[in-house]
Protein backbone atom coordinates (compact mmCIF):
# COMPACT_ATOMS: atom_id res chain seq x y z
CA MET A 1 -21.21 5.20 -13.64
CA PRO A 2 -17.80 5.97 -12.53
CA ALA A 3 -14.63 6.70 -14.30
CA SER A 4 -12.27 4.55 -12.33
CA SER A 5 -11.78 0.87 -10.14
CA ARG A 6 -8.60 -0.58 -9.91
CA LYS A 7 -8.89 -4.16 -11.18
CA SER A 8 -8.75 -5.12 -14.95
CA SER A 9 -11.53 -7.27 -16.28
CA ARG A 10 -9.99 -10.55 -16.61
CA GLY A 11 -8.00 -10.60 -13.35
CA THR A 12 -10.91 -9.18 -11.56
CA GLN A 13 -13.24 -12.21 -13.24
CA ARG A 14 -10.71 -14.49 -11.53
CA ASP A 15 -10.36 -12.79 -8.08
CA ILE A 16 -14.77 -12.34 -7.68
CA VAL A 17 -14.28 -16.35 -7.52
CA GLU A 18 -11.76 -17.21 -5.46
CA TYR A 19 -12.49 -14.71 -3.24
CA LEU A 20 -16.37 -15.44 -2.97
CA ALA A 21 -15.58 -19.07 -2.91
CA ARG A 22 -13.21 -19.30 0.10
CA CYS A 23 -16.09 -16.52 1.68
CA CYS A 24 -17.06 -18.32 5.77
CA HIS A 25 -21.00 -16.70 4.62
CA VAL A 26 -20.99 -18.91 1.50
CA ARG A 27 -18.95 -21.53 2.57
CA SER A 28 -21.56 -22.14 5.38
CA ARG A 29 -24.44 -21.46 4.37
CA MET A 30 -24.59 -21.67 0.58
CA ILE A 31 -25.57 -25.66 0.01
CA SER A 32 -27.79 -26.81 1.81
CA PRO A 33 -27.87 -30.98 2.52
CA THR A 34 -31.42 -32.18 0.71
CA ALA A 35 -32.63 -34.36 -1.15
CA ALA A 36 -32.55 -32.05 -4.03
CA HIS A 37 -29.41 -30.99 -3.18
CA PRO A 38 -27.08 -33.38 -1.27
CA LYS A 39 -24.13 -32.45 0.50
CA PRO A 40 -21.61 -32.74 -2.22
CA LYS A 41 -17.96 -34.24 -1.20
CA GLY A 42 -14.08 -33.82 -1.94
CA LYS A 43 -13.36 -31.34 -4.89
CA HIS A 44 -17.37 -31.58 -6.44
CA HIS A 45 -17.57 -29.44 -3.36
CA GLY A 46 -16.04 -26.66 -4.27
CA VAL A 47 -17.15 -26.76 -7.96
CA ARG A 48 -21.12 -26.14 -6.43
CA LEU A 49 -19.92 -23.43 -4.62
CA GLN A 50 -18.20 -21.26 -7.73
CA GLU A 51 -21.55 -21.93 -9.73
CA GLY A 52 -23.37 -20.32 -7.06
CA ILE A 53 -21.01 -17.71 -6.43
CA GLN A 54 -21.31 -16.79 -9.95
CA GLU A 55 -24.93 -16.17 -9.70
CA PHE A 56 -24.26 -12.94 -7.55
CA TYR A 57 -21.41 -11.86 -9.51
CA LEU A 58 -20.63 -13.42 -13.16
CA PRO A 59 -23.95 -13.83 -14.15
CA PRO A 60 -24.94 -14.22 -18.10
CA LYS A 61 -25.76 -11.50 -20.53
CA LYS A 62 -29.29 -12.34 -20.39
CA PRO A 63 -31.84 -11.54 -17.65
CA GLY A 64 -32.39 -13.33 -14.32
CA ILE A 65 -34.42 -13.36 -11.08
CA VAL A 66 -32.17 -14.50 -7.87
CA THR A 67 -32.52 -13.91 -4.12
CA VAL A 68 -29.56 -12.70 -3.06
CA PRO A 69 -28.55 -13.06 0.93
CA PRO A 70 -27.43 -10.97 3.27
CA MET A 71 -23.96 -9.35 2.55
CA SER A 72 -21.43 -7.18 4.56
CA TYR A 73 -19.53 -4.28 3.05
CA LEU A 74 -17.28 -0.92 4.17
CA ALA A 75 -19.72 1.48 2.73
CA VAL A 76 -19.36 5.07 1.98
CA ARG A 77 -22.06 7.33 1.29
CA GLY A 78 -22.37 10.30 -0.90
CA HIS A 79 -23.91 12.60 -3.25
CA GLY A 80 -23.05 13.94 -7.02
CA ASP A 81 -21.31 13.42 -10.08
CA PRO A 82 -19.22 10.42 -9.84
CA ASN A 83 -16.88 11.30 -12.66
CA ALA A 84 -16.23 15.07 -11.45
CA GLU A 85 -12.25 15.33 -10.88
CA GLY A 86 -11.60 15.32 -7.25
CA GLY A 87 -15.42 14.94 -6.60
CA GLU A 88 -16.66 12.54 -3.34
CA TYR A 89 -17.00 9.98 -5.07
CA ARG A 90 -13.18 9.36 -5.91
CA LEU A 91 -12.57 9.88 -2.39
CA ALA A 92 -14.58 7.25 -1.58
CA ILE A 93 -12.73 5.08 -3.95
CA GLU A 94 -9.61 5.76 -2.13
CA LEU A 95 -10.90 5.41 1.86
CA LEU A 96 -12.46 2.24 0.64
CA TYR A 97 -9.63 0.52 -0.93
CA GLY A 98 -7.26 1.80 2.17
CA VAL A 99 -9.52 0.29 4.71
CA ALA A 100 -10.17 -3.23 2.63
CA TYR A 101 -6.28 -3.82 2.35
CA THR A 102 -5.50 -2.60 5.83
CA ILE A 103 -8.00 -5.70 7.00
CA LYS A 104 -6.08 -7.60 4.18
CA MET A 105 -2.92 -7.30 5.14
CA SER A 106 -3.97 -7.20 8.61
CA LYS A 107 -1.99 -10.96 9.07
CA ARG A 108 1.69 -8.95 8.75
CA SER A 109 0.10 -7.26 11.76
CA ASP A 110 0.32 -7.49 15.36
CA HIS A 111 -3.64 -7.88 15.35
CA ARG A 112 -4.81 -11.09 15.32
CA ILE A 113 -8.69 -11.49 13.64
CA ASP A 114 -10.81 -14.16 14.43
CA GLY A 115 -11.63 -16.54 11.85
CA TYR A 116 -9.09 -14.61 9.43
CA PHE A 117 -7.76 -16.26 5.98
CA ASP A 118 -6.14 -14.54 3.06
CA PHE A 119 -8.93 -13.15 0.59
CA VAL A 120 -8.78 -11.58 -2.70
CA VAL A 121 -10.17 -7.53 -2.33
CA PRO A 122 -13.52 -7.77 -4.35
CA PRO A 123 -14.56 -5.56 -6.96
CA LEU A 124 -15.93 -2.43 -5.97
CA GLU A 125 -20.00 -1.89 -5.77
CA GLY A 126 -22.60 0.58 -5.61
CA LEU A 127 -26.41 1.57 -4.99
CA TRP A 128 -27.35 4.49 -6.61
CA TRP A 129 -30.52 6.91 -6.70
CA GLN A 130 -31.59 10.23 -6.95
CA GLU A 131 -34.24 11.99 -4.99
CA GLY A 132 -38.06 11.81 -6.90
CA ALA A 133 -36.60 9.98 -9.39
CA HIS A 134 -38.02 5.58 -9.67
CA GLY A 135 -35.02 4.09 -10.51
CA VAL A 136 -32.20 6.73 -12.02
CA ASP A 137 -31.73 9.33 -14.76
CA TYR A 138 -28.10 9.05 -16.40
CA ALA A 139 -28.36 12.57 -18.07
CA ARG A 140 -28.47 14.05 -14.10
CA LYS A 141 -25.44 12.49 -12.72
CA GLU A 142 -25.03 15.54 -10.48
CA ASP A 143 -28.24 14.17 -8.10
CA PHE A 144 -27.00 11.50 -7.85
CA ASP A 145 -26.85 9.85 -4.17
CA TRP A 146 -24.88 6.67 -3.85
CA VAL A 147 -22.87 4.06 -1.13
CA SER A 148 -19.83 2.77 -2.18
CA LEU A 149 -19.16 -0.81 -1.25
CA ILE A 150 -16.74 -3.31 -1.11
CA ARG A 151 -18.07 -6.36 0.08
CA LEU A 152 -16.18 -7.69 3.53
CA PRO A 153 -15.70 -11.47 3.81
CA ASP A 154 -17.89 -12.84 6.98
CA PHE A 155 -15.35 -13.32 9.63
CA VAL A 156 -15.29 -9.31 9.19
CA THR A 157 -17.12 -7.44 12.22
CA ALA A 158 -17.58 -3.93 12.47
CA ASP A 159 -15.56 -3.87 15.55
CA GLU A 160 -12.21 -5.59 13.13
CA VAL A 161 -13.93 -2.41 10.61
CA ALA A 162 -13.56 0.04 13.60
CA TRP A 163 -9.44 -1.13 14.48
CA ALA A 164 -8.82 -0.89 10.18
CA LYS A 165 -10.01 2.54 9.76
CA ALA A 166 -8.02 3.51 12.92
CA GLU A 167 -4.96 1.94 11.56
CA ALA A 168 -5.17 2.70 8.02
CA ALA A 169 -5.35 6.59 9.42
CA ALA A 170 -2.48 6.25 11.74
CA LYS A 171 -0.12 4.59 8.55
CA LYS A 172 -1.70 6.98 5.87
CA GLY A 173 -2.10 10.01 7.61
CA ARG A 174 -5.58 10.71 6.16
CA ASP A 175 -9.03 11.03 8.03
CA PHE A 176 -11.07 7.42 6.73
CA GLY A 177 -13.66 8.55 9.46
CA LYS A 178 -16.44 8.11 6.13
CA VAL A 179 -15.86 4.28 5.80
CA GLY A 180 -18.98 1.96 7.95
CA PHE A 181 -19.94 -1.28 8.10
CA PHE A 182 -22.65 -1.67 5.68
CA ALA A 183 -24.98 -4.90 5.97
CA TYR A 184 -27.49 -5.64 3.57
CA ASP A 185 -30.34 -7.91 2.70
CA GLU A 186 -30.99 -7.55 -0.87
CA GLY A 187 -33.71 -10.16 -1.49
CA LEU A 188 -35.25 -10.58 -4.38
CA CYS A 189 -34.35 -8.98 -7.58
CA VAL A 190 -33.94 -9.11 -11.30
CA GLN A 191 -30.01 -8.37 -12.53
CA CYS A 192 -28.25 -8.74 -16.04
CA LEU A 193 -24.63 -8.32 -16.79
CA HIS A 194 -24.24 -4.61 -18.98
CA VAL A 195 -21.21 -5.18 -21.46
CA GLY A 196 -20.31 -1.66 -22.86
CA PRO A 197 -20.73 2.20 -21.43
CA TYR A 198 -22.35 2.99 -18.93
CA ASP A 199 -24.44 5.51 -20.72
CA ASP A 200 -25.68 2.90 -22.71
CA GLU A 201 -27.05 1.22 -19.26
CA PRO A 202 -30.69 1.97 -20.24
CA THR A 203 -30.73 -0.61 -22.49
CA THR A 204 -29.91 -3.30 -20.51
CA VAL A 205 -32.52 -2.19 -17.96
CA GLU A 206 -35.45 -2.28 -20.12
CA ALA A 207 -34.24 -5.86 -21.02
CA MET A 208 -34.18 -6.17 -17.30
CA HIS A 209 -37.63 -4.97 -16.89
CA ALA A 210 -39.41 -6.10 -19.86
CA TYR A 211 -38.15 -9.91 -18.07
CA MET A 212 -39.26 -9.72 -15.10
CA GLU A 213 -42.32 -7.72 -16.21
CA ALA A 214 -43.18 -11.01 -17.98
CA GLN A 215 -42.36 -13.19 -15.01
CA GLY A 216 -44.63 -11.88 -12.94
CA TYR A 217 -42.79 -9.45 -11.48
CA ALA A 218 -42.38 -5.32 -10.27
CA LEU A 219 -40.16 -2.77 -9.83
CA ASP A 220 -39.22 -2.34 -6.11
CA ILE A 221 -37.18 0.36 -5.83
CA ALA A 222 -37.42 2.19 -2.58
CA ASP A 223 -35.59 4.24 -0.28
CA GLU A 224 -33.64 0.70 1.27
CA ARG A 225 -33.79 -0.61 -2.43
CA HIS A 226 -32.12 0.83 -4.73
CA HIS A 227 -30.34 0.58 -7.85
CA HIS A 228 -26.94 -1.52 -7.80
CA GLU A 229 -23.85 -2.01 -9.97
CA ILE A 230 -20.61 -4.32 -9.50
CA TYR A 231 -18.00 -3.16 -11.67
CA LEU A 232 -15.73 -5.69 -13.25
CA SER A 233 -13.90 -3.67 -15.49
CA ASP A 234 -11.61 -0.76 -15.17
CA ALA A 235 -12.29 1.80 -16.90
CA ARG A 236 -8.94 3.34 -16.82
CA ARG A 237 -7.88 0.64 -19.00
CA VAL A 238 -10.42 -1.35 -20.57
CA ALA A 239 -12.22 0.27 -24.20
CA PRO A 240 -15.45 1.64 -22.96
CA GLU A 241 -17.57 -1.13 -25.67
CA ARG A 242 -16.09 -3.59 -23.28
CA LEU A 243 -16.48 -2.48 -19.57
CA ARG A 244 -18.80 -5.46 -17.72
CA THR A 245 -21.35 -4.74 -15.20
CA VAL A 246 -23.39 -6.45 -13.31
CA VAL A 247 -26.59 -4.36 -12.29
CA ARG A 248 -29.28 -5.11 -10.43
CA HIS A 249 -32.99 -4.17 -9.75
CA PRO A 250 -34.81 -4.75 -6.68
CA ILE A 251 -38.25 -6.07 -7.65
CA LYS A 252 -41.54 -7.73 -5.64
CA ILE A 253 -43.99 -10.23 -7.25
CA THR A 254 -46.81 -8.87 -8.18
CA GLN A 255 -50.43 -10.16 -7.20
CA GLU A 256 -51.55 -10.11 -10.23
CA ASP A 257 -48.77 -12.84 -11.95
CA GLY A 258 -47.76 -13.99 -8.96
CA GLY A 259 -44.28 -15.32 -9.85
CA THR A 260 -41.92 -17.67 -7.47
CA VAL A 261 -39.31 -16.08 -5.48
CA PRO A 262 -36.18 -18.21 -6.25
CA SER A 263 -33.90 -19.61 -3.89
CA SER A 264 -30.64 -17.69 -2.54
CA HIS A 265 -28.48 -20.37 -1.58
CA ALA A 266 -28.66 -19.27 1.62
């Protein structure tokens, strides 16, 4: 939906895997030492880890069912058309990246974050909904409510976000008060990689919904569960037909068909 982000397509995909593979949450919770999935050793640990990460951030172009584990984000909430010149959405992106890079570059300051490791700032994400709509109506962009997101490493707490906001405000001379710490347990979802213009997403969404229904699930968009997008391309540099976006919808098991809940690797 948005018209801008800050990473090139090829660079972003490499960065996603690099960042998430080093994330404390994923490293400590992704793999359980069970008989079916014995604890990996040596270099194979990284391979298994990246395969699991790709399930959530680099999925295939065919729909799939996943259980997304709890994650923490920087978040800015807003309303309106994301493409509006000088609108809330573009300001939100500036605020998010300002705080994200303050956290990343804390290694060069006197501030020390417990458990810090250097990381690549991950791609922009967004939750989208409209009052009175079950899903999203792409023809009514001016009616969007949204939460713009950037995922955080597990070592970043709400207190560290508060420090980063104050630090960014002092250095940049602007108000970062709209940025918040957001913990989100997304749970059971259907998702797919959409390739093409944002306005063509309904075709991908239709395929996702047909797949979930065939597997015994129903759409579960509600007050706290929304249409979710992850932007793997920079719309300023990538042609519309080549834009890559992860589209994710919350779902639930239908009583009639009784689908199964896939592992979250948590």
